[in-house]
Amino acid sequence: MAADLKNDGNFQHIGQAIQKLLKSYHIKSKFDETNLIASWERLVGKVLAKHTKKLQIRNKVLFVQLDSPSLKNDLVLHKTRILEIFKTEFGPDLLTDIIVM
């Protein structure tokens, strides 16, 4: 039966179809921003996520409010690496900078 379901150009992977739909409605960047915020703990770890009070993305800049001065310093020191993680996960156009508050 699987042989009957050949890809003759009329089928595409569900992920590709969703990405095309998001692009066509011009909501892909908002979807990616929401996905990044939802993935914050997984990407940066439980300790940093626990001390994160607010996350917001405006004009491709992630604003992070933390309640720990030492973690603020750590985040500033590792900002370039964290940006690389986000670019790998969500593509190069989602974020240009991280501002720690």
C-alpha atoms as a PDB file:
ATOM      1  CA  MET A   1       0.000   0.000   0.000  1.00  0.00           C
ATOM      2  CA  ALA A   2       2.871   2.387   0.740  1.00  0.00           C
ATOM      3  CA  ALA A   3       4.054   2.031  -2.838  1.00  0.00           C
ATOM      4  CA  ASP A   4       0.752   3.578  -3.954  1.00  0.00           C
ATOM      5  CA  LEU A   5       1.576   6.803  -2.098  1.00  0.00           C
ATOM      6  CA  LYS A   6       4.422   8.018  -4.280  1.00  0.00           C
ATOM      7  CA  ASN A   7       5.434  11.651  -4.088  1.00  0.00           C
ATOM      8  CA  ASP A   8       4.436  12.876  -7.528  1.00  0.00           C
ATOM      9  CA  GLY A   9       4.816  16.543  -6.660  1.00  0.00           C
ATOM     10  CA  ASN A  10       1.329  16.927  -5.190  1.00  0.00           C
ATOM     11  CA  PHE A  11       2.384  16.033  -1.665  1.00  0.00           C
ATOM     12  CA  GLN A  12       4.636  17.876   0.766  1.00  0.00           C
ATOM     13  CA  HIS A  13       5.777  17.376   4.308  1.00  0.00           C
ATOM     14  CA  ILE A  14       3.315  18.796   6.857  1.00  0.00           C
ATOM     15  CA  GLY A  15       6.043  21.030   8.306  1.00  0.00           C
ATOM     16  CA  GLN A  16       6.699  22.580   4.888  1.00  0.00           C
ATOM     17  CA  ALA A  17       2.972  23.134   4.375  1.00  0.00           C
ATOM     18  CA  ILE A  18       2.658  24.893   7.730  1.00  0.00           C
ATOM     19  CA  GLN A  19       5.693  27.092   7.020  1.00  0.00           C
ATOM     20  CA  LYS A  20       4.217  28.113   3.653  1.00  0.00           C
ATOM     21  CA  LEU A  21       0.887  28.889   5.303  1.00  0.00           C
ATOM     22  CA  LEU A  22       2.546  31.043   7.978  1.00  0.00           C
ATOM     23  CA  LYS A  23       4.506  32.931   5.335  1.00  0.00           C
ATOM     24  CA  SER A  24       1.457  33.472   3.145  1.00  0.00           C
ATOM     25  CA  TYR A  25      -0.439  35.044   6.062  1.00  0.00           C
ATOM     26  CA  HIS A  26       2.650  37.067   7.079  1.00  0.00           C
ATOM     27  CA  ILE A  27       2.622  35.617  10.590  1.00  0.00           C
ATOM     28  CA  LYS A  28       5.756  33.475  10.483  1.00  0.00           C
ATOM     29  CA  SER A  29       7.861  35.937  12.490  1.00  0.00           C
ATOM     30  CA  LYS A  30       5.206  36.209  15.222  1.00  0.00           C
ATOM     31  CA  PHE A  31       4.921  32.416  15.311  1.00  0.00           C
ATOM     32  CA  ASP A  32       8.709  32.077  15.630  1.00  0.00           C
ATOM     33  CA  GLU A  33       8.820  34.757  18.368  1.00  0.00           C
ATOM     34  CA  THR A  34       6.127  32.964  20.345  1.00  0.00           C
ATOM     35  CA  ASN A  35       7.891  29.657  19.818  1.00  0.00           C
ATOM     36  CA  LEU A  36      11.195  31.128  21.045  1.00  0.00           C
ATOM     37  CA  ILE A  37       9.577  32.440  24.221  1.00  0.00           C
ATOM     38  CA  ALA A  38       7.844  29.094  24.794  1.00  0.00           C
ATOM     39  CA  SER A  39      11.207  27.323  24.284  1.00  0.00           C
ATOM     40  CA  TRP A  40      13.157  29.630  26.613  1.00  0.00           C
ATOM     41  CA  GLU A  41      13.619  27.092  29.433  1.00  0.00           C
ATOM     42  CA  ARG A  42      14.616  24.295  27.076  1.00  0.00           C
ATOM     43  CA  LEU A  43      17.178  26.508  25.317  1.00  0.00           C
ATOM     44  CA  VAL A  44      18.770  28.323  28.260  1.00  0.00           C
ATOM     45  CA  GLY A  45      18.198  25.895  31.128  1.00  0.00           C
ATOM     46  CA  LYS A  46      16.019  25.707  34.213  1.00  0.00           C
ATOM     47  CA  VAL A  47      18.131  27.971  36.421  1.00  0.00           C
ATOM     48  CA  LEU A  48      18.088  30.933  34.055  1.00  0.00           C
ATOM     49  CA  ALA A  49      14.431  30.337  33.190  1.00  0.00           C
ATOM     50  CA  LYS A  50      13.496  30.259  36.884  1.00  0.00           C
ATOM     51  CA  HIS A  51      15.018  33.709  37.389  1.00  0.00           C
ATOM     52  CA  THR A  52      13.538  35.180  34.212  1.00  0.00           C
ATOM     53  CA  LYS A  53      10.777  37.633  35.043  1.00  0.00           C
ATOM     54  CA  LYS A  54       9.921  38.902  31.578  1.00  0.00           C
ATOM     55  CA  LEU A  55      10.702  38.101  27.937  1.00  0.00           C
ATOM     56  CA  GLN A  56       9.697  40.327  25.064  1.00  0.00           C
ATOM     57  CA  ILE A  57      10.743  40.608  21.433  1.00  0.00           C
ATOM     58  CA  ARG A  58      10.556  43.969  19.663  1.00  0.00           C
ATOM     59  CA  ASN A  59      12.147  44.809  16.335  1.00  0.00           C
ATOM     60  CA  LYS A  60      14.199  41.587  16.343  1.00  0.00           C
ATOM     61  CA  VAL A  61      15.625  42.356  19.808  1.00  0.00           C
ATOM     62  CA  LEU A  62      14.967  40.030  22.749  1.00  0.00           C
ATOM     63  CA  PHE A  63      14.505  41.883  26.028  1.00  0.00           C
ATOM     64  CA  VAL A  64      15.165  39.696  29.070  1.00  0.00           C
ATOM     65  CA  GLN A  65      14.364  40.804  32.613  1.00  0.00           C
ATOM     66  CA  LEU A  66      16.088  38.756  35.322  1.00  0.00           C
ATOM     67  CA  ASP A  67      15.846  38.936  39.115  1.00  0.00           C
ATOM     68  CA  SER A  68      19.455  37.920  39.770  1.00  0.00           C
ATOM     69  CA  PRO A  69      22.387  40.314  39.230  1.00  0.00           C
ATOM     70  CA  SER A  70      24.864  37.440  38.837  1.00  0.00           C
ATOM     71  CA  LEU A  71      22.693  35.770  36.182  1.00  0.00           C
ATOM     72  CA  LYS A  72      22.339  39.103  34.394  1.00  0.00           C
ATOM     73  CA  ASN A  73      26.122  39.274  34.209  1.00  0.00           C
ATOM     74  CA  ASP A  74      26.364  35.662  32.995  1.00  0.00           C
ATOM     75  CA  LEU A  75      23.754  36.283  30.307  1.00  0.00           C
ATOM     76  CA  VAL A  76      25.583  39.377  29.080  1.00  0.00           C
ATOM     77  CA  LEU A  77      28.852  37.418  28.935  1.00  0.00           C
ATOM     78  CA  HIS A  78      27.246  34.547  26.998  1.00  0.00           C
ATOM     79  CA  LYS A  79      24.931  36.655  24.834  1.00  0.00           C
ATOM     80  CA  THR A  80      26.736  35.825  21.582  1.00  0.00           C
ATOM     81  CA  ARG A  81      26.529  32.075  22.240  1.00  0.00           C
ATOM     82  CA  ILE A  82      22.835  32.274  23.162  1.00  0.00           C
ATOM     83  CA  LEU A  83      22.111  34.249  19.985  1.00  0.00           C
ATOM     84  CA  GLU A  84      23.839  31.487  18.007  1.00  0.00           C
ATOM     85  CA  ILE A  85      21.659  28.864  19.684  1.00  0.00           C
ATOM     86  CA  PHE A  86      18.537  30.835  18.744  1.00  0.00           C
ATOM     87  CA  LYS A  87      19.753  31.319  15.170  1.00  0.00           C
ATOM     88  CA  THR A  88      20.380  27.591  14.847  1.00  0.00           C
ATOM     89  CA  GLU A  89      16.959  26.751  16.262  1.00  0.00           C
ATOM     90  CA  PHE A  90      14.836  29.452  14.569  1.00  0.00           C
ATOM     91  CA  GLY A  91      16.876  30.748  11.648  1.00  0.00           C
ATOM     92  CA  PRO A  92      19.159  33.754  11.231  1.00  0.00           C
ATOM     93  CA  ASP A  93      16.484  36.432  10.836  1.00  0.00           C
ATOM     94  CA  LEU A  94      14.513  36.167  14.080  1.00  0.00           C
ATOM     95  CA  LEU A  95      16.841  38.039  16.464  1.00  0.00           C
ATOM     96  CA  THR A  96      19.649  40.530  16.053  1.00  0.00           C
ATOM     97  CA  ASP A  97      20.406  41.259  19.729  1.00  0.00           C
ATOM     98  CA  ILE A  98      19.616  40.475  23.356  1.00  0.00           C
ATOM     99  CA  ILE A  99      19.158  43.243  25.918  1.00  0.00           C
ATOM    100  CA  VAL A 100      19.362  42.227  29.573  1.00  0.00           C
ATOM    101  CA  MET A 101      17.352  44.311  32.013  1.00  0.00           C
END
